[in-house]
Amino acid sequence: MIQLLIAIILGAVEGLTEFAPVSSTGHLILAADLLHFTGDTAKTFEVVIQLGSIMAVVVLYWKRLWSLFGLYRNEPKNGPEHLNLLHIIVAGLPAIILGVLLRDFIKSVLFSPQSVLIALVVGGILMIIAEKITAGRNYAATKELSYKQAFIIGLFQCLSLWSGFSRSGSTIAGGLIAGVERKTAAEFSFILAVPIMIGASGYDFYKSLDFLTLSDIPLFVIGFITAFIVAMLAIIFFLKLLRRFTLVPFAVYRFILAAVFALFILF
């Protein structure tokens, strides 16, 4: 019963934070340590609930995802205008290539609590800089992505390989710097996450199969379903927030989380 409660708590944490620019990894590390849920099973569980979160995007943006392959004729109302599969490929390749080349370094160095702490702060600073650049422009941001803008966003996504930086935070900030409208950048970030996260999480899950037992199934199912439901609600709420607020409040929250993280590490 206690493990199922842990699954619900961590699934909710993952769903709430995966697509907001606040670092789901930082929150999961804190929450898992507070709940004393660590080890190989815990690592595999994190992969499973990430897949639950990404399924929320698949459900909410299914028309846009189908349209990438020419399987939905009308222009979907949600997501960037005139988006096609080449946008996803151009934006996704930098992180995929870098992730494959540096996988061992990333796992051994960029997942430490100290590294996450620094990434939270640096990522927050980047978001503030992106908003300052956006505010200083004398032209309107675009709702339609060029391939150049998609590539720039893809380069910024590479920063998310640094655990704690936040994939959505880096890509949305990159979109703003590239001249993309805030909501459009966020929705492109969600859609771009689908192949990236399914590929990365699927590979990690495959590598973790040796650690799994039948007794783990209820834990994983509850965590997956919780992350899926909470992520759907969080995405809808986050997009509404972006219509009213900039990324600056999220950056401030990251600084507060980093301070809490620092106290947690020290004591």
Protein backbone atom coordinates (compact mmCIF):
# COMPACT_ATOMS: atom_id res chain seq x y z
CA MET A 1 0.00 0.00 0.00
CA ILE A 2 2.84 2.39 0.85
CA GLN A 3 4.50 1.72 -2.52
CA LEU A 4 1.26 2.47 -4.36
CA LEU A 5 0.98 5.78 -2.48
CA ILE A 6 4.57 6.56 -3.53
CA ALA A 7 3.61 5.74 -7.12
CA ILE A 8 0.71 8.21 -6.99
CA ILE A 9 2.82 10.98 -5.43
CA LEU A 10 5.74 10.62 -7.85
CA GLY A 11 3.41 10.16 -10.83
CA ALA A 12 1.68 13.41 -9.90
CA VAL A 13 5.02 15.20 -9.49
CA GLU A 14 6.15 13.99 -12.92
CA GLY A 15 2.88 14.95 -14.59
CA LEU A 16 2.87 18.42 -13.03
CA THR A 17 6.45 19.29 -13.88
CA GLU A 18 7.39 17.46 -17.12
CA PHE A 19 6.08 20.12 -19.49
CA ALA A 20 6.45 23.19 -17.29
CA PRO A 21 9.86 24.92 -17.43
CA VAL A 22 10.76 23.98 -13.86
CA SER A 23 12.70 20.70 -14.27
CA SER A 24 10.81 17.48 -13.61
CA THR A 25 14.13 15.77 -12.82
CA GLY A 26 14.92 18.18 -9.99
CA HIS A 27 11.47 17.66 -8.49
CA LEU A 28 11.63 13.88 -8.86
CA ILE A 29 15.06 13.67 -7.22
CA LEU A 30 13.87 15.72 -4.26
CA ALA A 31 10.57 13.85 -3.95
CA ALA A 32 12.12 10.38 -4.34
CA ASP A 33 14.80 11.10 -1.74
CA LEU A 34 12.22 12.45 0.71
CA LEU A 35 10.17 9.28 0.20
CA HIS A 36 13.32 7.09 0.43
CA PHE A 37 12.49 5.58 -2.96
CA THR A 38 15.83 4.90 -4.64
CA GLY A 39 17.67 2.12 -6.45
CA ASP A 40 17.25 0.30 -9.75
CA THR A 41 13.48 -0.11 -9.42
CA ALA A 42 13.09 3.60 -8.72
CA LYS A 43 15.12 4.52 -11.80
CA THR A 44 13.01 2.26 -14.01
CA PHE A 45 9.85 3.68 -12.42
CA GLU A 46 10.94 7.20 -13.42
CA VAL A 47 11.23 6.03 -17.03
CA VAL A 48 7.73 4.54 -16.94
CA ILE A 49 6.07 7.67 -15.54
CA GLN A 50 7.87 9.81 -18.14
CA LEU A 51 6.22 7.65 -20.79
CA GLY A 52 2.90 8.29 -19.03
CA SER A 53 3.46 12.04 -19.34
CA ILE A 54 4.36 11.85 -23.02
CA MET A 55 1.18 9.87 -23.72
CA ALA A 56 -0.73 12.95 -22.54
CA VAL A 57 0.79 14.91 -25.43
CA VAL A 58 -0.07 12.12 -27.86
CA VAL A 59 -3.72 12.29 -26.77
CA LEU A 60 -4.01 16.10 -26.67
CA TYR A 61 -2.16 16.67 -29.96
CA TRP A 62 -3.11 13.55 -31.90
CA LYS A 63 -4.44 15.54 -34.86
CA ARG A 64 -1.21 17.54 -35.12
CA LEU A 65 0.90 14.39 -34.81
CA TRP A 66 -1.14 12.61 -37.52
CA SER A 67 -0.83 15.67 -39.74
CA LEU A 68 2.97 15.40 -39.62
CA PHE A 69 2.65 12.22 -41.66
CA GLY A 70 -0.06 13.60 -43.95
CA LEU A 71 -2.73 11.46 -42.28
CA TYR A 72 -4.91 14.38 -41.18
CA ARG A 73 -5.86 16.70 -44.03
CA ASN A 74 -7.21 19.78 -42.26
CA GLU A 75 -4.87 22.16 -40.42
CA PRO A 76 -5.21 21.27 -36.69
CA LYS A 77 -6.13 24.17 -34.42
CA ASN A 78 -3.53 23.40 -31.75
CA GLY A 79 0.21 23.57 -32.26
CA PRO A 80 2.37 25.70 -34.60
CA GLU A 81 0.90 26.59 -37.99
CA HIS A 82 1.99 24.58 -41.08
CA LEU A 83 4.14 22.22 -39.03
CA ASN A 84 5.57 19.19 -40.83
CA LEU A 85 7.80 16.23 -40.09
CA LEU A 86 10.95 18.01 -41.31
CA HIS A 87 10.56 20.58 -38.52
CA ILE A 88 10.67 17.74 -35.98
CA ILE A 89 13.68 16.09 -37.63
CA VAL A 90 15.64 19.35 -37.86
CA ALA A 91 14.88 20.21 -34.24
CA GLY A 92 15.39 16.73 -32.86
CA LEU A 93 18.68 15.69 -34.47
CA PRO A 94 21.09 17.87 -32.41
CA ALA A 95 19.94 16.44 -29.05
CA ILE A 96 19.76 12.89 -30.42
CA ILE A 97 23.30 13.00 -31.81
CA LEU A 98 24.74 14.67 -28.71
CA GLY A 99 22.79 12.35 -26.41
CA VAL A 100 24.16 9.23 -28.11
CA LEU A 101 27.75 10.53 -28.18
CA LEU A 102 27.75 11.73 -24.56
CA ARG A 103 25.36 9.21 -22.95
CA ASP A 104 27.89 7.81 -20.43
CA PHE A 105 29.12 11.29 -19.47
CA ILE A 106 25.56 12.55 -19.06
CA LYS A 107 24.55 9.62 -16.83
CA SER A 108 27.70 9.75 -14.69
CA VAL A 109 28.22 13.51 -14.33
CA LEU A 110 25.11 15.50 -15.24
CA PHE A 111 22.68 13.59 -13.01
CA SER A 112 24.31 14.38 -9.66
CA PRO A 113 22.35 16.50 -7.14
CA GLN A 114 25.01 19.22 -7.32
CA SER A 115 24.78 19.31 -11.11
CA VAL A 116 20.97 19.54 -10.97
CA LEU A 117 21.25 22.44 -8.53
CA ILE A 118 23.46 24.43 -10.89
CA ALA A 119 21.26 23.58 -13.89
CA LEU A 120 18.17 24.91 -12.11
CA VAL A 121 19.84 28.29 -11.62
CA VAL A 122 21.45 28.52 -15.08
CA GLY A 123 18.21 27.46 -16.76
CA GLY A 124 16.29 30.13 -14.86
CA ILE A 125 18.78 32.79 -15.95
CA LEU A 126 18.40 31.66 -19.58
CA MET A 127 14.62 32.02 -19.35
CA ILE A 128 14.92 35.57 -18.00
CA ILE A 129 17.40 36.48 -20.76
CA ALA A 130 15.01 35.04 -23.38
CA GLU A 131 12.16 37.18 -22.05
CA LYS A 132 14.38 40.29 -22.04
CA ILE A 133 15.33 39.67 -25.67
CA THR A 134 11.66 39.18 -26.58
CA ALA A 135 10.60 42.38 -24.79
CA GLY A 136 13.28 44.38 -26.63
CA ARG A 137 12.11 43.40 -30.11
CA ASN A 138 10.18 45.86 -32.25
CA TYR A 139 8.43 43.19 -34.33
CA ALA A 140 5.80 40.55 -33.57
CA ALA A 141 6.82 36.99 -32.84
CA THR A 142 5.71 34.35 -35.35
CA LYS A 143 3.14 31.59 -34.92
CA GLU A 144 4.65 29.65 -37.82
CA LEU A 145 8.10 28.08 -37.49
CA SER A 146 10.76 28.25 -40.17
CA TYR A 147 13.26 25.40 -40.43
CA LYS A 148 15.94 27.76 -39.14
CA GLN A 149 13.88 28.52 -36.04
CA ALA A 150 13.23 24.80 -35.52
CA PHE A 151 16.97 24.13 -35.71
CA ILE A 152 17.73 26.89 -33.19
CA ILE A 153 15.17 25.40 -30.82
CA GLY A 154 16.83 22.02 -31.36
CA LEU A 155 20.21 23.45 -30.39
CA PHE A 156 18.73 24.85 -27.19
CA GLN A 157 17.13 21.48 -26.51
CA CYS A 158 20.65 20.06 -26.18
CA LEU A 159 20.90 21.97 -22.89
CA SER A 160 18.21 19.69 -21.48
CA LEU A 161 20.68 16.80 -21.60
CA TRP A 162 22.03 18.52 -18.49
CA SER A 163 19.68 17.10 -15.88
CA GLY A 164 17.75 19.82 -14.07
CA PHE A 165 17.94 22.29 -16.95
CA SER A 166 14.41 21.37 -18.12
CA ARG A 167 13.68 20.30 -21.68
CA SER A 168 10.61 22.51 -21.95
CA GLY A 169 12.44 25.44 -20.35
CA SER A 170 15.36 25.24 -22.77
CA THR A 171 13.21 24.75 -25.88
CA ILE A 172 10.67 27.47 -25.02
CA ALA A 173 13.48 29.90 -24.20
CA GLY A 174 15.18 28.93 -27.47
CA GLY A 175 11.94 29.55 -29.32
CA LEU A 176 11.56 33.02 -27.81
CA ILE A 177 15.14 33.90 -28.71
CA ALA A 178 14.50 32.64 -32.27
CA GLY A 179 11.49 34.95 -32.58
CA VAL A 180 8.67 32.44 -32.03
CA GLU A 181 5.48 33.40 -30.18
CA ARG A 182 5.44 32.07 -26.59
CA LYS A 183 2.45 29.70 -26.85
CA THR A 184 3.66 28.43 -30.22
CA ALA A 185 7.11 27.73 -28.76
CA ALA A 186 5.52 25.84 -25.86
CA GLU A 187 3.31 23.70 -28.10
CA PHE A 188 6.22 22.91 -30.41
CA SER A 189 8.17 21.92 -27.29
CA PHE A 190 5.41 19.47 -26.33
CA ILE A 191 5.23 17.93 -29.81
CA LEU A 192 9.01 17.73 -30.13
CA ALA A 193 9.11 15.86 -26.82
CA VAL A 194 7.18 12.89 -28.24
CA PRO A 195 9.92 11.27 -30.39
CA ILE A 196 12.73 12.44 -28.10
CA MET A 197 11.21 11.10 -24.89
CA ILE A 198 9.80 7.91 -26.39
CA GLY A 199 13.21 7.12 -27.87
CA ALA A 200 15.23 7.96 -24.75
CA SER A 201 12.76 6.46 -22.26
CA GLY A 202 12.18 3.39 -24.41
CA TYR A 203 15.93 2.72 -24.60
CA ASP A 204 16.37 3.21 -20.84
CA PHE A 205 13.40 0.93 -20.18
CA TYR A 206 14.91 -1.78 -22.40
CA LYS A 207 18.22 -1.50 -20.53
CA SER A 208 16.34 -1.86 -17.22
CA LEU A 209 14.36 -5.02 -18.06
CA ASP A 210 16.70 -7.19 -15.98
CA PHE A 211 15.68 -5.31 -12.84
CA LEU A 212 11.92 -5.80 -13.29
CA THR A 213 9.74 -8.36 -11.49
CA LEU A 214 6.01 -9.14 -11.64
CA SER A 215 5.58 -7.51 -8.23
CA ASP A 216 6.63 -4.16 -9.78
CA ILE A 217 3.72 -4.10 -12.26
CA PRO A 218 1.07 -2.50 -9.94
CA LEU A 219 3.58 0.19 -8.95
CA PHE A 220 4.39 1.03 -12.57
CA VAL A 221 0.77 0.94 -13.76
CA ILE A 222 -0.43 3.30 -11.01
CA GLY A 223 2.49 5.68 -11.64
CA PHE A 224 1.93 5.64 -15.40
CA ILE A 225 -1.81 6.37 -15.14
CA THR A 226 -1.28 9.11 -12.54
CA ALA A 227 1.41 10.83 -14.62
CA PHE A 228 -0.77 10.59 -17.73
CA ILE A 229 -3.86 12.18 -16.14
CA VAL A 230 -1.97 14.88 -14.25
CA ALA A 231 0.17 15.77 -17.30
CA MET A 232 -2.95 16.28 -19.44
CA LEU A 233 -4.38 18.72 -16.90
CA ALA A 234 -1.01 20.41 -16.39
CA ILE A 235 -0.48 21.04 -20.13
CA ILE A 236 -3.89 22.69 -20.48
CA PHE A 237 -3.33 24.84 -17.38
CA PHE A 238 0.23 25.79 -18.39
CA LEU A 239 -0.87 27.04 -21.81
CA LYS A 240 -3.49 29.22 -20.13
CA LEU A 241 -0.80 30.64 -17.83
CA LEU A 242 1.41 31.51 -20.81
CA ARG A 243 -1.35 33.73 -22.19
CA ARG A 244 -1.11 35.88 -19.04
CA PHE A 245 2.46 35.50 -17.77
CA THR A 246 6.03 35.37 -19.08
CA LEU A 247 8.63 32.76 -18.14
CA VAL A 248 10.05 35.01 -15.40
CA PRO A 249 7.81 33.67 -12.57
CA PHE A 250 8.89 30.15 -13.49
CA ALA A 251 12.54 31.26 -13.37
CA VAL A 252 12.01 32.72 -9.88
CA TYR A 253 10.41 29.44 -8.81
CA ARG A 254 13.48 27.59 -10.10
CA PHE A 255 15.74 29.79 -7.96
CA ILE A 256 13.59 29.00 -4.91
CA LEU A 257 13.68 25.29 -5.73
CA ALA A 258 17.46 25.49 -6.12
CA ALA A 259 17.72 27.06 -2.64
CA VAL A 260 15.58 24.26 -1.20
CA PHE A 261 17.69 21.75 -3.11
CA ALA A 262 20.88 23.26 -1.67
CA LEU A 263 19.56 23.04 1.90
CA PHE A 264 18.47 19.47 1.23
CA ILE A 265 21.95 18.51 0.00
CA LEU A 266 23.73 20.29 2.86
CA PHE A 267 21.56 18.96 5.66
